[in-house]
Amino acid sequence: MNTNVYKIIVLVGICLICIFWTACSGDSDETKQAELILKVDKNTLKADGKEMVTFTVEQAGTDITSDATIRCLTDGKTITGAVFSTITSGKYVFEASYNGQISAQVIVTADKTVVITSKFVRRICAMELTGTWCAMCPAGLTRLSYLTNLSYDGIVYLMAFHVNGTSSDPMVIAQSSLLSGRFAVAAYPACIVDMRDKMGLSENYSVMRGIFNESLENYPAHCGVAMQSDYDEAASQAIVTVKVTSECTSEYRLILYAVEDGLKYQQNDGGVYRDYTHNHVVRKLLSATVDGDKLGQIAADKEETKDYIIALEEEWNLENLSFYALVTDENGYVNNLAICKAVNGKADYEYVND
């Protein structure tokens, strides 16, 4: 074969191979690397250190969040757990990387939190659900009392609601089971905080603190409560006057309970029944329901008054008896409370600067 012809054939073959290779190795949809996508469940949050946003990283419809790296370009920090929270307001820019690929940027805005202050001291209501039959309840109360005395002395007020159990309990009232059912309490002892949240009394202290702090930080007082009880010995009754002053125009309800200390009765304590002193025991609901009596809308800086005539039962030890007035907001949460002795007791408004 002629040498020149041979060279031409070889060159043509090489060209055809190059053309074929270029066609096969071009930017086709099948071979192009899929885009890396960074998503966020919301683009704004409160700069309170608690609210969080959650990130997701996807490629070709597959969630690869656990394998990708998410960085905040604003402060240069790598995000752990694919969540972000902050106490500093401002705009934060994020991007994800995976196998050398970089996603488009995502912006999250942290809004400055508004601190609501009140002139009234905030009191928290802790409704312990218990019973003389409950073997773990004394230990639960010990833990609850330790925490409140240590960190919330004069702030958290305890109420013991005795619930029907495996044996007779003379301190049971019907409203205890009603509250237990409403908050889906499945194990005892338990505690309902401000008619808003519940917790077990074997929880880690940090969990219990978190629930109390939630009341103080996210549900500050916007009303004050004052009360007075005038004892009529001849009629064996008390005339109780409750006053509520609101700092904002809002709807309120009033729940009133009779609570007694120093009740002696046996208690199951770790499987052994022993003599026991039961304190802050709720003896009777004095308002119409556990949701309270309607006070209606109270305008800002206005006061509403409600009177009760309470028949004092013979079995109550009046020296150890108090009245608890719980004022709930439009959500049904206890916003503030006051306590006074049944016999000529008085509780004035409590002001932060007093």
Foldseek 3Di string as FASTA:
>chain_A
DDPVVVVVVVVVVVVVVVVVVCVVPDPDPVPDFFAKAKDKPDQEEAQPQPDKIAIFIDTPRDTPPVQKWKAWPVVGDTDPPRMDHHNDFDKIKMWIDDPHHIHDIGIHTHDYDDFDDDQFQFAKEKEWEEALAAQCAVVLVVLVVVLCVVPPPVRYDYAYAYDDDDDDGPLHDPVSVVLCVVQVPDDPGKIDMQSPHIGHSVDDVVVVVVVVVCCVGVQAAQKWKKKWWAADVVQQKIKMKMKMAGQAWFWKFKWKFKFFWQDWDWGNHNNDTDIDTDGNYTRDTQAPHPLHHTQGIDHHGGMTMDIDIGRHDPPGDQVGIKMKMFMATPVSGGNHIDMFRNHGTIDDGHTPVD
